[in-house]
Protein backbone atom coordinates (compact mmCIF):
# COMPACT_ATOMS: atom_id res chain seq x y z
CA UNK A 1 0.76 -8.53 20.68
CA UNK A 2 1.26 -8.52 16.93
CA UNK A 3 2.14 -5.19 15.40
CA UNK A 4 -0.92 -5.36 13.15
CA UNK A 5 -3.07 -5.50 16.27
CA UNK A 6 -1.41 -2.61 18.10
CA UNK A 7 -3.25 0.68 18.03
CA UNK A 8 -0.96 2.52 20.12
CA UNK A 9 0.93 5.87 24.23
CA UNK A 10 4.53 6.38 26.85
CA UNK A 11 5.22 4.24 29.75
CA UNK A 12 6.52 6.39 32.51
CA UNK A 13 9.92 5.63 34.01
CA UNK A 14 11.14 3.84 30.89
CA UNK A 15 14.88 3.50 30.39
CA UNK A 16 16.57 5.18 27.48
CA UNK A 17 19.54 6.34 25.52
CA UNK A 18 20.44 9.26 23.35
CA UNK A 19 20.56 12.98 23.99
CA UNK A 20 20.77 16.24 22.18
CA UNK A 21 17.55 15.78 20.26
CA UNK A 22 16.15 18.81 18.40
CA UNK A 23 13.73 21.02 20.26
CA UNK A 24 10.24 19.51 20.45
CA UNK A 25 11.55 15.99 19.93
CA UNK A 26 12.40 13.14 22.29
CA UNK A 27 15.53 10.95 22.03
CA UNK A 28 14.73 7.30 21.35
CA UNK A 29 17.06 4.32 20.93
CA UNK A 30 15.70 2.06 18.16
CA UNK A 31 16.81 -1.57 18.49
CA UNK A 32 16.40 -4.28 15.88
CA UNK A 33 18.17 -7.64 15.77
CA UNK A 34 21.74 -6.97 16.96
CA UNK A 35 21.59 -3.27 16.08
CA UNK A 36 20.84 -0.20 18.19
CA UNK A 37 20.55 3.23 16.57
CA UNK A 38 19.81 6.47 18.43
CA UNK A 39 17.37 8.87 16.84
CA UNK A 40 14.49 11.12 17.88
CA UNK A 41 10.75 11.48 17.33
CA UNK A 42 8.31 14.32 17.97
CA UNK A 43 6.95 14.55 21.49
CA UNK A 44 3.70 12.57 21.62
CA UNK A 45 4.66 10.27 18.72
CA UNK A 46 2.68 7.04 18.76
CA UNK A 47 2.95 3.57 17.30
CA UNK A 48 2.64 4.59 13.64
CA UNK A 49 5.49 7.09 13.84
CA UNK A 50 7.68 4.57 15.64
CA UNK A 51 7.04 2.03 12.88
CA UNK A 52 7.92 4.64 10.25
CA UNK A 53 11.16 5.40 12.09
CA UNK A 54 12.05 1.70 12.30
CA UNK A 55 11.46 1.43 8.54
CA UNK A 56 13.63 4.47 7.82
CA UNK A 57 16.44 3.09 9.98
CA UNK A 58 16.24 -0.61 9.13
CA UNK A 59 13.98 -0.84 6.06
CA UNK A 60 16.41 -2.90 4.00
CA UNK A 61 16.64 -5.51 6.77
CA UNK A 62 12.96 -5.83 7.73
CA UNK A 63 10.97 -8.65 6.16
CA UNK A 64 7.62 -7.02 5.41
CA UNK A 65 5.86 -10.40 5.30
CA UNK A 66 6.32 -11.11 8.98
CA UNK A 67 4.28 -9.80 11.86
CA UNK A 68 6.15 -7.78 14.46
CA UNK A 69 5.84 -6.76 18.08
CA UNK A 70 7.04 -3.33 19.14
CA UNK A 71 8.32 -3.35 22.71
CA UNK A 72 9.49 -0.72 25.18
CA UNK A 73 12.22 -1.17 27.79
CA UNK A 74 10.61 -0.77 31.24
CA UNK A 75 12.93 0.02 34.17
CA UNK A 76 10.30 -1.26 36.57
CA UNK A 77 10.67 -4.78 35.17
CA UNK A 78 14.22 -4.57 33.90
CA UNK A 79 13.17 -5.90 30.52
CA UNK A 80 11.20 -5.13 27.37
CA UNK A 81 7.40 -5.16 27.51
CA UNK A 82 4.81 -4.90 24.73
CA UNK A 83 3.69 -1.36 24.01
CA UNK A 84 0.51 -0.50 25.90
CA UNK A 85 -2.55 0.59 24.00
CA UNK A 86 -2.43 4.32 23.36
CA UNK A 87 1.36 4.63 23.66
CA UNK A 88 2.85 8.08 23.03
CA UNK A 89 6.49 9.03 23.55
CA UNK A 90 6.82 11.57 26.35
CA UNK A 91 10.37 11.00 27.57
CA UNK A 92 13.65 9.42 26.50
CA UNK A 93 13.16 5.71 25.95
CA UNK A 94 14.39 2.55 24.27
CA UNK A 95 12.21 0.52 21.90
CA UNK A 96 12.77 -2.60 19.85
CA UNK A 97 11.08 -4.31 16.91
CA UNK A 98 10.73 -8.07 17.37
CA UNK A 99 9.72 -10.34 14.45
CA UNK A 100 7.41 -13.19 15.29
CA UNK A 101 8.71 -16.61 14.32
CA UNK A 102 5.89 -17.53 11.94
CA UNK A 103 6.29 -16.03 8.48
CA UNK A 104 3.04 -14.96 6.86
CA UNK A 105 2.11 -16.45 3.50
CA UNK A 106 0.42 -14.10 1.08
CA UNK A 107 -2.48 -16.13 -0.27
CA UNK A 108 -3.95 -13.41 -2.42
CA UNK A 109 -7.61 -14.03 -1.61
CA UNK A 110 -9.93 -11.22 -2.69
CA UNK A 111 -13.42 -10.49 -1.40
CA UNK A 112 -15.49 -7.43 -2.33
CA UNK A 113 -16.14 -6.49 1.30
CA UNK A 114 -12.42 -6.14 2.12
CA UNK A 115 -11.11 -4.75 -1.20
CA UNK A 116 -10.53 -1.24 -2.54
CA UNK A 117 -9.53 -0.36 -6.12
CA UNK A 118 -6.78 2.26 -6.68
CA UNK A 119 -6.68 3.92 -10.12
CA UNK A 120 -3.40 5.82 -10.45
CA UNK A 121 -2.80 8.83 -12.71
CA UNK A 122 -4.53 7.72 -15.94
CA UNK A 123 -4.22 11.23 -17.36
CA UNK A 124 -4.42 12.82 -20.79
CA UNK A 125 -0.85 14.16 -20.97
CA UNK A 126 0.52 10.63 -20.51
CA UNK A 127 -1.29 9.33 -23.61
CA UNK A 128 1.49 9.90 -26.17
CA UNK A 129 4.28 8.67 -23.87
CA UNK A 130 3.03 5.51 -22.16
CA UNK A 131 3.45 2.20 -23.98
CA UNK A 132 0.11 0.55 -24.83
CA UNK A 133 -1.78 3.40 -23.17
CA UNK A 134 -4.94 2.67 -25.16
CA UNK A 135 -4.88 -0.95 -23.97
CA UNK A 136 -4.46 -0.10 -20.32
CA UNK A 137 -7.22 2.53 -20.54
CA UNK A 138 -9.51 -0.16 -21.92
CA UNK A 139 -8.63 -2.60 -19.14
CA UNK A 140 -8.82 0.12 -16.48
CA UNK A 141 -12.34 1.00 -17.64
CA UNK A 142 -13.26 -2.69 -17.43
CA UNK A 143 -12.01 -2.81 -13.83
CA UNK A 144 -13.99 0.29 -12.85
CA UNK A 145 -17.14 -1.21 -14.37
CA UNK A 146 -16.55 -4.36 -12.36
CA UNK A 147 -16.04 -2.30 -9.20
CA UNK A 148 -19.40 -0.57 -9.73
CA UNK A 149 -21.14 -3.92 -10.30
CA UNK A 150 -19.67 -5.36 -7.11
CA UNK A 151 -19.95 -2.28 -4.92
CA UNK A 152 -16.19 -1.95 -4.41
CA UNK A 153 -14.88 1.51 -3.41
CA UNK A 154 -12.58 3.18 -5.93
CA UNK A 155 -9.96 5.84 -5.17
CA UNK A 156 -8.52 7.78 -8.12
CA UNK A 157 -5.49 10.06 -8.10
CA UNK A 158 -4.21 12.56 -10.64
CA UNK A 159 -0.56 13.59 -10.69
CA UNK A 160 -0.25 17.38 -10.79
CA UNK A 161 -3.47 17.79 -12.86
CA UNK A 162 -2.79 21.50 -13.41
CA UNK A 163 0.08 20.53 -15.68
CA UNK A 164 -0.74 16.95 -16.70
CA UNK A 165 -4.50 17.18 -17.17
CA UNK A 166 -7.38 15.22 -15.74
CA UNK A 167 -8.17 11.52 -15.98
CA UNK A 168 -8.81 10.54 -19.61
CA UNK A 169 -12.40 10.76 -20.80
CA UNK A 170 -12.56 7.05 -21.63
CA UNK A 171 -12.32 6.27 -17.91
CA UNK A 172 -15.81 6.61 -16.42
CA UNK A 173 -15.44 7.90 -12.87
CA UNK A 174 -19.14 7.58 -12.03
CA UNK A 175 -19.55 6.44 -8.43
CA UNK A 176 -15.88 6.54 -7.41
CA UNK A 177 -15.23 7.37 -3.77
CA UNK A 178 -12.57 10.03 -4.34
CA UNK A 179 -10.66 11.78 -7.12
CA UNK A 180 -7.61 13.44 -5.59
CA UNK A 181 -4.79 15.58 -6.98
CA UNK A 182 -1.28 14.82 -5.78
CA UNK A 183 2.36 15.73 -6.29
CA UNK A 184 3.82 12.78 -4.38
CA UNK A 185 4.50 9.81 -6.67
CA UNK A 186 2.86 7.31 -4.31
CA UNK A 187 -0.93 7.37 -3.98
CA UNK A 188 -0.52 7.03 -0.21
CA UNK A 189 -1.20 10.66 0.65
CA UNK A 190 -2.99 11.81 3.84
CA UNK A 191 -6.40 12.05 2.15
CA UNK A 192 -6.09 8.48 0.86
CA UNK A 193 -4.98 7.20 4.26
CA UNK A 194 -7.98 8.93 5.84
CA UNK A 195 -10.31 7.40 3.27
CA UNK A 196 -8.91 3.92 3.91
CA UNK A 197 -9.40 4.39 7.64
CA UNK A 198 -13.09 5.16 7.03
CA UNK A 199 -13.67 1.92 5.09
CA UNK A 200 -14.15 -0.96 7.53
CA UNK A 201 -12.14 -4.15 7.13
CA UNK A 202 -9.90 -3.21 4.20
CA UNK A 203 -7.35 -5.96 3.64
CA UNK A 204 -6.56 -5.73 -0.09
CA UNK A 205 -5.95 -3.04 -2.70
CA UNK A 206 -6.23 -3.72 -6.42
CA UNK A 207 -3.84 -1.25 -8.03
CA UNK A 208 -3.54 -0.12 -11.65
CA UNK A 209 -2.49 2.90 -13.72
CA UNK A 210 0.82 4.59 -14.55
CA UNK A 211 3.72 4.49 -14.36
CA UNK A 212 4.52 0.94 -13.28
CA UNK A 213 8.06 1.66 -12.09
CA UNK A 214 7.26 4.95 -10.37
CA UNK A 215 3.83 5.71 -8.91
CA UNK A 216 2.55 2.13 -9.01
CA UNK A 217 5.71 0.68 -7.46
CA UNK A 218 5.97 3.31 -4.73
CA UNK A 219 2.26 3.02 -3.89
CA UNK A 220 2.47 -0.77 -3.65
CA UNK A 221 5.50 -0.72 -1.37
CA UNK A 222 3.93 1.86 0.96
CA UNK A 223 0.68 -0.11 1.19
CA UNK A 224 2.52 -3.35 1.97
CA UNK A 225 4.44 -1.49 4.64
CA UNK A 226 1.09 -0.65 6.23
CA UNK A 227 -0.01 -4.29 6.24
CA UNK A 228 -2.29 -4.13 3.19
CA UNK A 229 -2.12 -6.88 0.57
CA UNK A 230 -1.58 -5.43 -2.91
CA UNK A 231 -2.71 -6.88 -6.25
CA UNK A 232 -1.16 -5.12 -9.25
CA UNK A 233 -3.12 -5.59 -12.48
CA UNK A 234 -0.35 -6.16 -15.02
CA UNK A 235 -2.57 -5.62 -18.07
CA UNK A 236 -3.78 -2.29 -16.68
CA UNK A 237 -0.44 -0.69 -15.83
CA UNK A 238 2.42 0.49 -18.02
CA UNK A 239 5.38 2.85 -18.33
CA UNK A 240 7.10 4.90 -21.02
CA UNK A 241 9.65 2.10 -21.27
CA UNK A 242 8.82 -1.59 -21.50
CA UNK A 243 12.11 -2.31 -19.74
CA UNK A 244 11.08 -0.20 -16.74
CA UNK A 245 7.62 -1.76 -16.76
CA UNK A 246 8.79 -5.37 -16.82
CA UNK A 247 11.60 -4.97 -14.29
CA UNK A 248 9.23 -3.18 -11.91
CA UNK A 249 6.69 -6.02 -12.15
CA UNK A 250 9.43 -8.56 -11.50
CA UNK A 251 10.74 -6.63 -8.51
CA UNK A 252 7.28 -6.24 -7.03
CA UNK A 253 6.50 -9.94 -7.47
CA UNK A 254 9.73 -10.85 -5.65
CA UNK A 255 8.65 -8.57 -2.81
CA UNK A 256 5.52 -10.70 -2.35
CA UNK A 257 3.14 -8.29 -4.05
CA UNK A 258 0.65 -10.14 -6.24
CA UNK A 259 1.02 -9.42 -9.95
CA UNK A 260 -2.12 -10.56 -11.70
CA UNK A 261 -4.55 -9.80 -14.55
CA UNK A 262 -7.87 -7.99 -14.78
CA UNK A 263 -9.84 -11.14 -15.57
CA UNK A 264 -8.26 -13.04 -12.67
CA UNK A 265 -9.17 -10.20 -10.28
CA UNK A 266 -12.80 -9.92 -11.41
CA UNK A 267 -13.46 -13.67 -11.34
CA UNK A 268 -11.79 -14.01 -7.96
CA UNK A 269 -14.08 -11.32 -6.60
CA UNK A 270 -17.24 -13.14 -7.72
CA UNK A 271 -15.74 -16.58 -6.88
CA UNK A 272 -18.86 -18.58 -7.79
CA UNK A 273 -21.05 -18.87 -10.89
CA UNK A 274 -24.04 -18.54 -8.56
CA UNK A 275 -22.88 -15.10 -7.44
CA UNK A 276 -25.69 -12.64 -8.25
CA UNK A 277 -23.30 -10.50 -10.33
CA UNK A 278 -21.56 -13.36 -12.14
CA UNK A 279 -23.49 -12.90 -15.41
CA UNK A 280 -22.67 -9.19 -15.51
CA UNK A 281 -18.99 -9.87 -14.86
CA UNK A 282 -19.01 -12.67 -17.42
CA UNK A 283 -20.37 -10.29 -20.05
CA UNK A 284 -17.73 -7.74 -19.09
CA UNK A 285 -14.86 -10.17 -19.71
CA UNK A 286 -16.42 -12.02 -22.66
CA UNK A 287 -13.89 -10.41 -24.99
CA UNK A 288 -10.35 -11.10 -23.75
CA UNK A 289 -8.43 -8.10 -22.47
CA UNK A 290 -5.63 -6.84 -24.76
CA UNK A 291 -2.24 -8.24 -23.78
CA UNK A 292 -0.63 -4.77 -23.96
CA UNK A 293 2.81 -6.05 -24.82
CA UNK A 294 3.12 -8.33 -21.80
CA UNK A 295 3.81 -11.34 -24.00
CA UNK A 296 6.41 -9.65 -26.16
CA UNK A 297 10.11 -9.89 -25.42
CA UNK A 298 11.71 -6.92 -23.71
């Protein structure tokens, strides 16, 4: 079973390795490729926590664009078996992460029914520091208008708003699903994860805001690690330094994350001139978006 399809609780009598785990945790041997590393997880940990532990132990060696099977060593069979639905660790065990042979190709298709927009930390205190902040505010507002036209959910975060202020007034938050404060750099906080779980069929996130090399980058990498395709809107994200901005976009593109533009995103979402919202979107993009320094040399 592919990891993306596993919803997963512990097989009894499973073989294991490792001892001396902290109180309230269970020793687990995590195997990947030719490696085997003992660690521990909380009692009752399920599939998601096991995946997080694999990523913490082997993250630099795992190709995020493959599908994986998580398997458990079963003494009864003398071999690894796919995790059963509802798996939870209850005793010492041995698990392995197995990549499937077929590598996934990120096609980058966007449809309104499977897309969510993430607007990251477009706050007042960043205005004097972020390069081309006025331009990215303008493009961000254009994206939010498009989301309202197409009925796409929008999640907005604000980094430590007590000290950094609220989202700038130029950004119209009418109709957004959530506006959440955070201290973590990534937008992937528990409230956001819960909101995503409530939206059926989410496959893609369109991500924009600040800063490209910090909150945007960390959000994108976490989302990809959860199997969500990420589209970063290059003309709606920036940093204090153009060097940091451009190197972050290059790194993210090499990771397989889609770096695109606001106009490309909006036209891909309507896809057809006969789409009932095409005229509205066409009017929205009639004036080209500002290039916000993307065409200048670093």
